[in-house]
Amino acid sequence: MDAFTAGILQRIKNTEADLDRARETGDDFLADVEQAELEDLQRLASEHGVEVGAPSA
């Protein structure tokens, strides 16, 4: 696995965790921000042929 792939997958994992925390605490604004970030990261991964597992939420 190259550095780009490892980095993007780690960022996705971290963002999914942040999104889960935002939802658990009821922070709707932060959840929206994290959801948008997650979608951007998933799009970027897809554009570069990086397979991403099913989202956690």
Protein backbone atom coordinates (compact mmCIF):
# COMPACT_ATOMS: atom_id res chain seq x y z
CA MET A 1 0.00 0.00 0.00
CA ASP A 2 1.45 3.35 -0.98
CA ALA A 3 1.50 6.43 1.24
CA PHE A 4 -1.41 8.11 -0.54
CA THR A 5 -3.67 5.07 -0.12
CA ALA A 6 -2.72 4.59 3.52
CA GLY A 7 -3.22 8.29 4.22
CA ILE A 8 -6.62 8.59 2.56
CA LEU A 9 -7.90 5.44 4.25
CA GLN A 10 -6.72 6.73 7.65
CA ARG A 11 -8.35 10.11 7.05
CA ILE A 12 -11.61 8.37 6.12
CA LYS A 13 -11.46 6.22 9.25
CA ASN A 14 -10.80 9.28 11.44
CA THR A 15 -13.58 11.27 9.80
CA GLU A 16 -16.05 8.40 10.26
CA ALA A 17 -15.17 8.31 13.96
CA ASP A 18 -15.57 12.10 14.24
CA LEU A 19 -18.93 11.87 12.46
CA ASP A 20 -20.12 9.16 14.85
CA ARG A 21 -19.08 11.28 17.86
CA ALA A 22 -20.84 14.35 16.48
CA ARG A 23 -24.04 12.38 15.96
CA GLU A 24 -23.82 10.78 19.41
CA THR A 25 -23.48 14.17 21.08
CA GLY A 26 -26.26 15.70 19.00
CA ASP A 27 -24.01 18.28 17.33
CA ASP A 28 -25.89 18.61 14.05
CA PHE A 29 -23.63 21.30 12.62
CA LEU A 30 -20.47 19.30 13.24
CA ALA A 31 -22.16 16.17 11.89
CA ASP A 32 -22.95 18.05 8.66
CA VAL A 33 -19.35 19.25 8.39
CA GLU A 34 -17.96 15.76 9.01
CA GLN A 35 -20.42 14.21 6.54
CA ALA A 36 -19.31 16.64 3.83
CA GLU A 37 -15.65 15.91 4.61
CA LEU A 38 -16.31 12.18 4.44
CA GLU A 39 -18.02 12.50 1.08
CA ASP A 40 -15.10 14.55 -0.26
CA LEU A 41 -12.57 11.98 0.96
CA GLN A 42 -14.58 9.11 -0.52
CA ARG A 43 -14.80 10.94 -3.86
CA LEU A 44 -11.06 11.59 -3.82
CA ALA A 45 -10.35 7.96 -3.03
CA SER A 46 -12.63 6.81 -5.84
CA GLU A 47 -11.00 9.16 -8.34
CA HIS A 48 -7.65 7.58 -7.50
CA GLY A 49 -8.83 3.97 -7.55
CA VAL A 50 -8.70 3.45 -3.80
CA GLU A 51 -11.34 1.00 -2.61
CA VAL A 52 -13.11 2.11 0.54
CA GLY A 53 -15.14 -0.21 2.76
CA ALA A 54 -18.77 0.43 3.62
CA PRO A 55 -19.26 3.60 5.66
CA SER A 56 -19.87 3.11 9.36
CA ALA A 57 -22.98 5.27 9.37
